[in-house]
Amino acid sequence: MSDIATVAAATERRFRMPRFLSSEHPFPWLLPLISMLIVFGIYPLLYAFWMSLHQRNRIKRVDEFVWFKNWGTAFGDDRVWNAFQVTMTYTLSALVIQLALGLAIAMLLDSDRKGYGILRGLMTLPLVVPPAVAGMMFLLMEDGSFGVLSHYLYAFGLLSPERPILATGSTALMGVLLADIWQWTPFMVLIMLAGLRALPKEPFEAAAIDGANSWQMFRRLTLPMLSKVIAVAVLIRGVDLFRIFDYVYVMTSGGPGTVTETMSAYAGRIFMTGNFPYAATLALLTLLIIFVVANIFIQVFKVRF
């Protein structure tokens, strides 16, 4: 028995895990995540801020330290203010439409009847399409010559061939919005549907016994109990919408003129000209606006994750 115990003890010593891996302290397990956060999050952010304090000297081909000159230029740039206005219009329009459609479709799919599970699963299909591909699809469908959407809009007299969707200032932004609405409304549907499925049944049964109709139950029960879910969905989509780039770049490149030029699209255009410090400044300005607005939204609506 002593020999067996000796061998077992030796085997245990040989295969004993390192002390830091067997510790109950969370730091060893968080270290990979912290390392990724530093490498892919904090370092690029600090580098972008450092770059925004410089200006490229094209003659000497060096970056010269200019303090906050790029920031002053950004606040005095009319195209930045135009891009901010376009971004706000795009974000608010998409939020309202996607939220309304998402809630309406979610209420239609909130059923345990046969086949509804398949319909709920099909709602995820647009989400797996890359945004650039979705933008290209709608670019072809909205083409003024052979696009299927343009064809039917012409047939119903809503548009004329002389004023294509994406080539007309008054309709170009809506043309880009169509791609976003098609792809991301299912995301709102799934969030709203999860919230609806989690609602207690007792208040609705009591309201039905008291004679409340469907509209009264929706206004007095469904919406108040879904308020936190709606706030989270609006926050997530709002942050994503404010930095929109893919659809704009693929479908209009910010045109015609600057009608569809968002802040991210303008920053991307500046980046392509080689003015990296000013592009970094615009990107950081977009991040700063998102950070401030998101925090105000969280405090006002008391969003908790």
Foldseek 3Di string as FASTA:
>chain_A
DVVVVVVVVVVCVVPPDPPVVPDPDCCVVCVVVVVCCVVVPVVVLVVLVQLLQWFADPVVRDTHGNGNPLVVVLVVDPLNVLQAVLLVVLLVVLLVVLLVLLLVVLVVLLDPDPPSVVVLVVLCVLQVDPLLVLLLLLLQLQDLPDHVVNVVCVVVVVDPSVAGQCAHLVRNSVSLSVSVSSRCSSVSNVLSNVQVVPDDPVVVVVCVVVPDDPVCCCVVPVCVSCVLSSLVVSLVSSLVSSLDDNNCCNRHLCDPVNSNNHLNSVLVVCVVVVGSNSSSSSVVVSVVVSVVVSVVSCVVSVHDD
